Each structure stands twice: as C-alpha cells, then as structure tokens.
Amino acid sequence: MYSLDFMEPGEEFAALQKKHSNFKYIRTDVTQQSSIEQAVNAIVEEQGRIDGMIANAGMTKHQPALDFTTEQLETLFKLNVSSISS
C-alpha cells in the first residue's frame, strides 16, 4: 500500500507503518502529471502491478474553507475534477 503525497507522512502514518511493513510513501506532486506518472511507474516497477487505487487528492493547506481565495478554489476544483491543477 502506497501513500502518494507532497507532504512527508506524519506520526499516524509512521505508527501504521510499524504495524504494517507494506505501507510505503512516495513524495508526489498530484498537481503535476509527470510526478503522478513517475510514482505510478515506480510502484509498477517495484510491485509488478497495481491492483487498485483510491484517489483522494486535496490541497486544503490546513486553512479554513472561508479563507480560500478564488484562485485557490479554482485550483482545488481542477485538482478534484481532472486531477491536474495546472
């Protein structure tokens, strides 16, 4: 199982990783197609295949929803609809 994220995993992930050695992290910028392709290719190279995927992209930047600018909202919408924001 892989987590593809731009941010380094936190303590919760580390705790799960101790219990389940198959949990892995790949630093990925989900707003860039090339970064996504590199991560997927790395998984296929290591595992031989991908059996399933859950896409849950987000870019909240840990701020209240009412503090988002119009540009941030448009970027978030594009990311969630097409997976690419630029």
N, C-alpha and C. Protein backbone atom coordinates (compact mmCIF):
# COMPACT_ATOMS: atom_id res chain seq x y z
N MET A 1 0.85 -1.16 0.00
CA MET A 1 0.00 0.00 0.00
C MET A 1 0.90 1.23 0.00
N TYR A 2 0.57 2.17 -0.86
CA TYR A 2 1.38 3.37 -1.02
C TYR A 2 0.55 4.61 -0.74
N SER A 3 1.18 5.59 -0.14
CA SER A 3 0.61 6.91 0.01
C SER A 3 1.40 7.83 -0.91
N LEU A 4 0.71 8.48 -1.83
CA LEU A 4 1.36 9.44 -2.72
C LEU A 4 0.96 10.83 -2.24
N ASP A 5 1.92 11.59 -1.78
CA ASP A 5 1.60 12.89 -1.20
C ASP A 5 2.80 13.80 -1.34
N PHE A 6 2.52 15.10 -1.35
CA PHE A 6 3.58 16.10 -1.43
C PHE A 6 4.22 16.30 -0.06
N MET A 7 3.40 16.18 0.99
CA MET A 7 3.88 16.37 2.35
C MET A 7 4.45 15.06 2.89
N GLU A 8 5.45 15.17 3.73
CA GLU A 8 6.01 14.00 4.38
C GLU A 8 4.95 13.41 5.31
N PRO A 9 4.90 12.09 5.43
CA PRO A 9 3.89 11.48 6.30
C PRO A 9 4.13 11.85 7.76
N GLY A 10 3.03 11.88 8.50
CA GLY A 10 3.10 12.24 9.91
C GLY A 10 3.23 11.05 10.83
N GLU A 11 3.03 11.30 12.09
CA GLU A 11 3.17 10.28 13.12
C GLU A 11 2.18 9.13 12.94
N GLU A 12 0.96 9.45 12.50
CA GLU A 12 -0.05 8.42 12.31
C GLU A 12 0.41 7.40 11.26
N PHE A 13 0.97 7.90 10.18
CA PHE A 13 1.46 7.02 9.12
C PHE A 13 2.62 6.17 9.66
N ALA A 14 3.51 6.78 10.40
CA ALA A 14 4.65 6.05 10.95
C ALA A 14 4.17 4.93 11.88
N ALA A 15 3.13 5.20 12.67
CA ALA A 15 2.58 4.17 13.56
C ALA A 15 1.99 3.01 12.76
N LEU A 16 1.26 3.33 11.69
CA LEU A 16 0.71 2.28 10.83
C LEU A 16 1.82 1.49 10.15
N GLN A 17 2.86 2.19 9.74
CA GLN A 17 3.97 1.54 9.06
C GLN A 17 4.68 0.55 9.98
N LYS A 18 4.73 0.84 11.28
CA LYS A 18 5.34 -0.09 12.23
C LYS A 18 4.52 -1.38 12.33
N LYS A 19 3.19 -1.24 12.25
CA LYS A 19 2.31 -2.40 12.32
C LYS A 19 2.21 -3.15 11.00
N HIS A 20 2.31 -2.41 9.90
CA HIS A 20 2.13 -2.98 8.56
C HIS A 20 3.32 -2.56 7.69
N SER A 21 4.28 -3.43 7.56
CA SER A 21 5.52 -3.08 6.85
C SER A 21 5.30 -2.81 5.36
N ASN A 22 4.12 -3.17 4.83
CA ASN A 22 3.87 -2.93 3.41
C ASN A 22 3.36 -1.51 3.13
N PHE A 23 3.18 -0.68 4.15
CA PHE A 23 2.80 0.72 3.95
C PHE A 23 4.03 1.50 3.52
N LYS A 24 3.92 2.17 2.38
CA LYS A 24 5.06 2.93 1.86
C LYS A 24 4.60 4.32 1.42
N TYR A 25 5.55 5.23 1.31
CA TYR A 25 5.28 6.61 0.93
C TYR A 25 6.14 6.97 -0.27
N ILE A 26 5.54 7.67 -1.23
CA ILE A 26 6.28 8.23 -2.36
C ILE A 26 5.90 9.71 -2.45
N ARG A 27 6.90 10.57 -2.35
CA ARG A 27 6.64 12.01 -2.47
C ARG A 27 6.16 12.27 -3.90
N THR A 28 4.95 12.83 -4.02
CA THR A 28 4.32 13.05 -5.32
C THR A 28 3.57 14.36 -5.31
N ASP A 29 3.78 15.15 -6.34
CA ASP A 29 3.00 16.38 -6.52
C ASP A 29 1.81 16.02 -7.40
N VAL A 30 0.64 15.82 -6.78
CA VAL A 30 -0.52 15.36 -7.53
C VAL A 30 -1.07 16.42 -8.48
N THR A 31 -0.50 17.61 -8.48
CA THR A 31 -0.91 18.64 -9.44
C THR A 31 -0.10 18.57 -10.73
N GLN A 32 0.89 17.68 -10.78
CA GLN A 32 1.76 17.57 -11.95
C GLN A 32 1.68 16.17 -12.53
N GLN A 33 1.23 16.06 -13.78
CA GLN A 33 1.07 14.77 -14.45
C GLN A 33 2.36 13.95 -14.41
N SER A 34 3.49 14.59 -14.66
CA SER A 34 4.76 13.86 -14.70
C SER A 34 5.10 13.26 -13.33
N SER A 35 4.78 13.94 -12.26
CA SER A 35 5.03 13.43 -10.92
C SER A 35 4.16 12.22 -10.63
N ILE A 36 2.91 12.27 -11.05
CA ILE A 36 1.99 11.13 -10.87
C ILE A 36 2.49 9.94 -11.67
N GLU A 37 2.88 10.17 -12.92
CA GLU A 37 3.38 9.09 -13.77
C GLU A 37 4.64 8.44 -13.17
N GLN A 38 5.54 9.26 -12.63
CA GLN A 38 6.76 8.73 -12.02
C GLN A 38 6.42 7.84 -10.83
N ALA A 39 5.48 8.27 -10.01
CA ALA A 39 5.09 7.49 -8.83
C ALA A 39 4.45 6.17 -9.24
N VAL A 40 3.53 6.22 -10.20
CA VAL A 40 2.87 5.00 -10.66
C VAL A 40 3.89 4.06 -11.27
N ASN A 41 4.79 4.59 -12.08
CA ASN A 41 5.82 3.75 -12.70
C ASN A 41 6.72 3.12 -11.64
N ALA A 42 7.04 3.85 -10.58
CA ALA A 42 7.88 3.31 -9.50
C ALA A 42 7.17 2.16 -8.79
N ILE A 43 5.86 2.30 -8.57
CA ILE A 43 5.10 1.23 -7.93
C ILE A 43 5.06 0.00 -8.81
N VAL A 44 4.77 0.19 -10.09
CA VAL A 44 4.70 -0.95 -11.01
C VAL A 44 6.07 -1.63 -11.11
N GLU A 45 7.13 -0.85 -11.14
CA GLU A 45 8.48 -1.43 -11.21
C GLU A 45 8.77 -2.26 -9.96
N GLU A 46 8.38 -1.76 -8.79
CA GLU A 46 8.66 -2.46 -7.54
C GLU A 46 7.72 -3.64 -7.31
N GLN A 47 6.43 -3.46 -7.60
CA GLN A 47 5.43 -4.48 -7.28
C GLN A 47 5.02 -5.35 -8.47
N GLY A 48 5.30 -4.88 -9.68
CA GLY A 48 4.92 -5.63 -10.87
C GLY A 48 3.53 -5.28 -11.39
N ARG A 49 2.74 -4.62 -10.58
CA ARG A 49 1.38 -4.24 -10.98
C ARG A 49 0.75 -3.34 -9.92
N ILE A 50 -0.40 -2.78 -10.28
CA ILE A 50 -1.24 -2.05 -9.33
C ILE A 50 -2.58 -2.75 -9.34
N ASP A 51 -3.01 -3.22 -8.19
CA ASP A 51 -4.28 -3.95 -8.09
C ASP A 51 -5.48 -3.02 -7.86
N GLY A 52 -5.25 -1.86 -7.33
CA GLY A 52 -6.34 -0.93 -7.07
C GLY A 52 -5.79 0.41 -6.66
N MET A 53 -6.64 1.44 -6.74
CA MET A 53 -6.19 2.78 -6.40
C MET A 53 -7.37 3.57 -5.84
N ILE A 54 -7.11 4.32 -4.80
CA ILE A 54 -8.10 5.24 -4.25
C ILE A 54 -7.54 6.64 -4.42
N ALA A 55 -8.20 7.45 -5.20
CA ALA A 55 -7.76 8.82 -5.44
C ALA A 55 -8.50 9.74 -4.47
N ASN A 56 -7.73 10.44 -3.66
CA ASN A 56 -8.31 11.34 -2.67
C ASN A 56 -7.44 12.58 -2.59
N ALA A 57 -7.32 13.26 -3.71
CA ALA A 57 -6.45 14.43 -3.78
C ALA A 57 -7.10 15.61 -3.06
N GLY A 58 -6.27 16.42 -2.46
CA GLY A 58 -6.76 17.62 -1.80
C GLY A 58 -5.63 18.60 -1.62
N MET A 59 -5.99 19.85 -1.49
CA MET A 59 -4.99 20.90 -1.31
C MET A 59 -5.53 21.93 -0.32
N THR A 60 -5.93 21.52 0.84
CA THR A 60 -6.53 22.46 1.79
C THR A 60 -5.53 23.39 2.43
N LYS A 61 -4.28 23.02 2.46
CA LYS A 61 -3.22 23.80 3.09
C LYS A 61 -3.57 24.14 4.53
N HIS A 62 -4.42 23.31 5.11
CA HIS A 62 -4.78 23.43 6.52
C HIS A 62 -5.25 24.83 6.90
N GLN A 63 -6.19 25.31 6.12
CA GLN A 63 -6.79 26.61 6.43
C GLN A 63 -8.31 26.48 6.33
N PRO A 64 -9.03 27.33 7.03
CA PRO A 64 -10.50 27.27 6.96
C PRO A 64 -11.00 27.52 5.53
N ALA A 65 -12.06 26.84 5.17
CA ALA A 65 -12.61 26.94 3.81
C ALA A 65 -12.96 28.39 3.45
N LEU A 66 -13.43 29.16 4.39
CA LEU A 66 -13.82 30.54 4.09
C LEU A 66 -12.62 31.46 3.85
N ASP A 67 -11.42 30.98 4.13
CA ASP A 67 -10.21 31.78 3.90
C ASP A 67 -9.59 31.54 2.53
N PHE A 68 -10.17 30.63 1.72
CA PHE A 68 -9.63 30.36 0.39
C PHE A 68 -9.88 31.55 -0.53
N THR A 69 -8.89 31.85 -1.36
CA THR A 69 -9.08 32.86 -2.40
C THR A 69 -9.79 32.19 -3.59
N THR A 70 -10.29 33.00 -4.49
CA THR A 70 -10.92 32.45 -5.69
C THR A 70 -9.93 31.59 -6.47
N GLU A 71 -8.71 32.03 -6.58
CA GLU A 71 -7.68 31.26 -7.30
C GLU A 71 -7.44 29.90 -6.63
N GLN A 72 -7.38 29.89 -5.30
CA GLN A 72 -7.20 28.62 -4.59
C GLN A 72 -8.38 27.69 -4.80
N LEU A 73 -9.58 28.23 -4.80
CA LEU A 73 -10.77 27.41 -5.03
C LEU A 73 -10.78 26.82 -6.44
N GLU A 74 -10.40 27.62 -7.43
CA GLU A 74 -10.34 27.12 -8.81
C GLU A 74 -9.29 26.02 -8.94
N THR A 75 -8.15 26.19 -8.30
CA THR A 75 -7.10 25.17 -8.34
C THR A 75 -7.58 23.89 -7.68
N LEU A 76 -8.24 24.00 -6.53
CA LEU A 76 -8.76 22.83 -5.83
C LEU A 76 -9.82 22.13 -6.66
N PHE A 77 -10.70 22.89 -7.30
CA PHE A 77 -11.74 22.30 -8.15
C PHE A 77 -11.10 21.53 -9.30
N LYS A 78 -10.14 22.14 -9.99
CA LYS A 78 -9.48 21.47 -11.12
C LYS A 78 -8.79 20.19 -10.65
N LEU A 79 -8.15 20.25 -9.50
CA LEU A 79 -7.46 19.07 -8.99
C LEU A 79 -8.44 17.95 -8.70
N ASN A 80 -9.57 18.25 -8.10
CA ASN A 80 -10.53 17.23 -7.74
C ASN A 80 -11.32 16.70 -8.93
N VAL A 81 -11.48 17.51 -9.96
CA VAL A 81 -12.25 17.09 -11.14
C VAL A 81 -11.37 16.38 -12.16
N SER A 82 -10.20 16.93 -12.44
CA SER A 82 -9.37 16.34 -13.50
C SER A 82 -8.05 15.79 -12.99
N SER A 83 -7.74 15.97 -11.73
CA SER A 83 -6.51 15.53 -11.04
C SER A 83 -5.30 16.38 -11.41
N ILE A 84 -5.44 17.33 -12.28
CA ILE A 84 -4.33 18.20 -12.64
C ILE A 84 -4.79 19.65 -12.43
N SER A 85 -3.97 20.44 -11.76
CA SER A 85 -4.41 21.79 -11.44
C SER A 85 -3.74 22.85 -12.32
N SER A 86 -2.76 22.47 -13.11
CA SER A 86 -2.12 23.49 -13.93
C SER A 86 -2.00 23.04 -15.36
